[in-house]
Amino acid sequence: MEGKRVSAEELKLVLAADFDRLAEEVAKAMNTAKDGRIIADSEEPVRDASAVFRQRMFEKALSLLQKKQEAFSPSAQRPAAQGPAADNAPDDQRAHPRA
């Protein structure tokens, strides 16, 4: 199970660009707010930027976890498909060897 976990370091790597964008959007919202209206002018844009970041973080974390689970899953490494059994009767019962 240990190999199927997502580490904080992996998340930091895949989220670096998203975090940079979040920081830029927060800074822009704070810097464009009018004097005396910092909270009123910046709260909603910061909340929206945070929501987008949160969604991207969850999606990327989920994707990382799915990739790890698929890599360890026995069904992810399927052998070649088996052909039909030549000695099976139509009702999926094996034919008697002396029949």
C-alpha atoms as a PDB file:
ATOM      1  CA  MET A   1       0.000   0.000   0.000  1.00  0.00           C
ATOM      2  CA  GLU A   2       2.933   2.326   0.655  1.00  0.00           C
ATOM      3  CA  GLY A   3       3.797   2.574  -3.050  1.00  0.00           C
ATOM      4  CA  LYS A   4       0.243   3.699  -3.820  1.00  0.00           C
ATOM      5  CA  ARG A   5       0.420   6.896  -1.773  1.00  0.00           C
ATOM      6  CA  VAL A   6       0.924  10.431  -3.023  1.00  0.00           C
ATOM      7  CA  SER A   7       3.624  12.442  -1.287  1.00  0.00           C
ATOM      8  CA  ALA A   8       3.576  16.150  -0.541  1.00  0.00           C
ATOM      9  CA  GLU A   9       6.770  16.484  -2.574  1.00  0.00           C
ATOM     10  CA  GLU A  10       5.067  15.015  -5.651  1.00  0.00           C
ATOM     11  CA  LEU A  11       2.151  17.404  -5.217  1.00  0.00           C
ATOM     12  CA  LYS A  12       4.497  20.367  -4.854  1.00  0.00           C
ATOM     13  CA  LEU A  13       6.158  19.456  -8.138  1.00  0.00           C
ATOM     14  CA  VAL A  14       2.930  19.165 -10.139  1.00  0.00           C
ATOM     15  CA  LEU A  15       1.353  22.216  -8.496  1.00  0.00           C
ATOM     16  CA  ALA A  16       4.249  24.667  -8.776  1.00  0.00           C
ATOM     17  CA  ALA A  17       2.845  26.518 -11.785  1.00  0.00           C
ATOM     18  CA  ASP A  18      -0.671  26.532 -10.301  1.00  0.00           C
ATOM     19  CA  PHE A  19       0.624  27.963  -7.026  1.00  0.00           C
ATOM     20  CA  ASP A  20       2.556  30.666  -8.877  1.00  0.00           C
ATOM     21  CA  ARG A  21      -0.620  31.642 -10.697  1.00  0.00           C
ATOM     22  CA  LEU A  22      -2.572  31.735  -7.426  1.00  0.00           C
ATOM     23  CA  ALA A  23       0.049  33.993  -5.837  1.00  0.00           C
ATOM     24  CA  GLU A  24      -0.060  36.311  -8.869  1.00  0.00           C
ATOM     25  CA  GLU A  25      -3.853  36.536  -8.763  1.00  0.00           C
ATOM     26  CA  VAL A  26      -3.893  37.233  -5.008  1.00  0.00           C
ATOM     27  CA  ALA A  27      -1.216  39.923  -5.377  1.00  0.00           C
ATOM     28  CA  LYS A  28      -3.140  41.504  -8.260  1.00  0.00           C
ATOM     29  CA  ALA A  29      -6.379  41.522  -6.270  1.00  0.00           C
ATOM     30  CA  MET A  30      -4.683  43.109  -3.273  1.00  0.00           C
ATOM     31  CA  ASN A  31      -2.815  45.685  -5.342  1.00  0.00           C
ATOM     32  CA  THR A  32      -5.807  46.776  -7.409  1.00  0.00           C
ATOM     33  CA  ALA A  33      -8.066  47.263  -4.391  1.00  0.00           C
ATOM     34  CA  LYS A  34      -8.928  50.886  -3.734  1.00  0.00           C
ATOM     35  CA  ASP A  35      -7.760  52.611  -0.571  1.00  0.00           C
ATOM     36  CA  GLY A  36     -10.153  51.873   2.264  1.00  0.00           C
ATOM     37  CA  ARG A  37     -11.741  49.013   0.289  1.00  0.00           C
ATOM     38  CA  ILE A  38      -9.040  46.326   0.470  1.00  0.00           C
ATOM     39  CA  ILE A  39     -11.342  43.677   1.896  1.00  0.00           C
ATOM     40  CA  ALA A  40     -14.368  44.634  -0.193  1.00  0.00           C
ATOM     41  CA  ASP A  41     -12.400  44.797  -3.455  1.00  0.00           C
ATOM     42  CA  SER A  42     -10.103  41.812  -2.965  1.00  0.00           C
ATOM     43  CA  GLU A  43     -12.028  39.211  -0.985  1.00  0.00           C
ATOM     44  CA  GLU A  44     -14.085  37.834  -3.862  1.00  0.00           C
ATOM     45  CA  PRO A  45     -11.231  37.645  -6.441  1.00  0.00           C
ATOM     46  CA  VAL A  46      -8.995  35.931  -3.854  1.00  0.00           C
ATOM     47  CA  ARG A  47     -11.768  33.482  -2.963  1.00  0.00           C
ATOM     48  CA  ASP A  48     -12.337  32.679  -6.645  1.00  0.00           C
ATOM     49  CA  ALA A  49      -8.613  32.173  -7.310  1.00  0.00           C
ATOM     50  CA  SER A  50      -8.361  29.937  -4.243  1.00  0.00           C
ATOM     51  CA  ALA A  51     -11.316  27.858  -5.416  1.00  0.00           C
ATOM     52  CA  VAL A  52      -9.719  27.290  -8.822  1.00  0.00           C
ATOM     53  CA  PHE A  53      -6.426  26.325  -7.161  1.00  0.00           C
ATOM     54  CA  ARG A  54      -8.189  23.961  -4.742  1.00  0.00           C
ATOM     55  CA  GLN A  55      -9.972  22.217  -7.614  1.00  0.00           C
ATOM     56  CA  ARG A  56      -6.762  21.855  -9.646  1.00  0.00           C
ATOM     57  CA  MET A  57      -4.906  20.539  -6.606  1.00  0.00           C
ATOM     58  CA  PHE A  58      -7.543  17.898  -5.954  1.00  0.00           C
ATOM     59  CA  GLU A  59      -7.665  16.852  -9.615  1.00  0.00           C
ATOM     60  CA  LYS A  60      -3.876  16.561  -9.842  1.00  0.00           C
ATOM     61  CA  ALA A  61      -3.629  14.662  -6.545  1.00  0.00           C
ATOM     62  CA  LEU A  62      -6.339  12.288  -7.701  1.00  0.00           C
ATOM     63  CA  SER A  63      -4.599  11.792 -11.034  1.00  0.00           C
ATOM     64  CA  LEU A  64      -1.292  11.018  -9.309  1.00  0.00           C
ATOM     65  CA  LEU A  65      -2.961   8.486  -7.047  1.00  0.00           C
ATOM     66  CA  GLN A  66      -4.783   6.811  -9.927  1.00  0.00           C
ATOM     67  CA  LYS A  67      -1.557   6.485 -11.904  1.00  0.00           C
ATOM     68  CA  LYS A  68       0.169   4.894  -8.920  1.00  0.00           C
ATOM     69  CA  GLN A  69      -2.679   2.466  -8.350  1.00  0.00           C
ATOM     70  CA  GLU A  70      -2.800   1.512 -12.018  1.00  0.00           C
ATOM     71  CA  ALA A  71       0.933   0.880 -11.999  1.00  0.00           C
ATOM     72  CA  PHE A  72       0.528  -1.596  -9.125  1.00  0.00           C
ATOM     73  CA  SER A  73      -2.781  -3.082 -10.170  1.00  0.00           C
ATOM     74  CA  PRO A  74      -2.733  -6.649 -11.487  1.00  0.00           C
ATOM     75  CA  SER A  75      -5.444  -5.667 -13.970  1.00  0.00           C
ATOM     76  CA  ALA A  76      -3.240  -2.874 -15.348  1.00  0.00           C
ATOM     77  CA  GLN A  77      -0.787  -5.482 -16.626  1.00  0.00           C
ATOM     78  CA  ARG A  78      -3.087  -7.910 -18.352  1.00  0.00           C
ATOM     79  CA  PRO A  79      -1.600 -10.823 -20.265  1.00  0.00           C
ATOM     80  CA  ALA A  80      -2.652 -11.481 -23.831  1.00  0.00           C
ATOM     81  CA  ALA A  81      -6.319 -12.410 -24.100  1.00  0.00           C
ATOM     82  CA  GLN A  82      -7.041 -16.083 -23.880  1.00  0.00           C
ATOM     83  CA  GLY A  83      -8.553 -17.791 -26.843  1.00  0.00           C
ATOM     84  CA  PRO A  84     -11.749 -19.841 -26.635  1.00  0.00           C
ATOM     85  CA  ALA A  85     -11.464 -23.261 -25.050  1.00  0.00           C
ATOM     86  CA  ALA A  86     -11.892 -25.850 -27.751  1.00  0.00           C
ATOM     87  CA  ASP A  87     -13.184 -28.571 -25.455  1.00  0.00           C
ATOM     88  CA  ASN A  88     -15.982 -26.658 -23.738  1.00  0.00           C
ATOM     89  CA  ALA A  89     -19.529 -27.542 -24.547  1.00  0.00           C
ATOM     90  CA  PRO A  90     -22.004 -24.735 -25.494  1.00  0.00           C
ATOM     91  CA  ASP A  91     -23.389 -24.656 -21.935  1.00  0.00           C
ATOM     92  CA  ASP A  92     -19.914 -23.785 -20.584  1.00  0.00           C
ATOM     93  CA  GLN A  93     -19.536 -27.268 -19.119  1.00  0.00           C
ATOM     94  CA  ARG A  94     -16.366 -29.134 -19.896  1.00  0.00           C
ATOM     95  CA  ALA A  95     -16.852 -32.099 -22.117  1.00  0.00           C
ATOM     96  CA  HIS A  96     -16.066 -35.461 -20.582  1.00  0.00           C
ATOM     97  CA  PRO A  97     -12.625 -36.594 -21.795  1.00  0.00           C
ATOM     98  CA  ARG A  98     -14.073 -39.938 -23.051  1.00  0.00           C
ATOM     99  CA  ALA A  99     -17.063 -38.451 -24.788  1.00  0.00           C
END
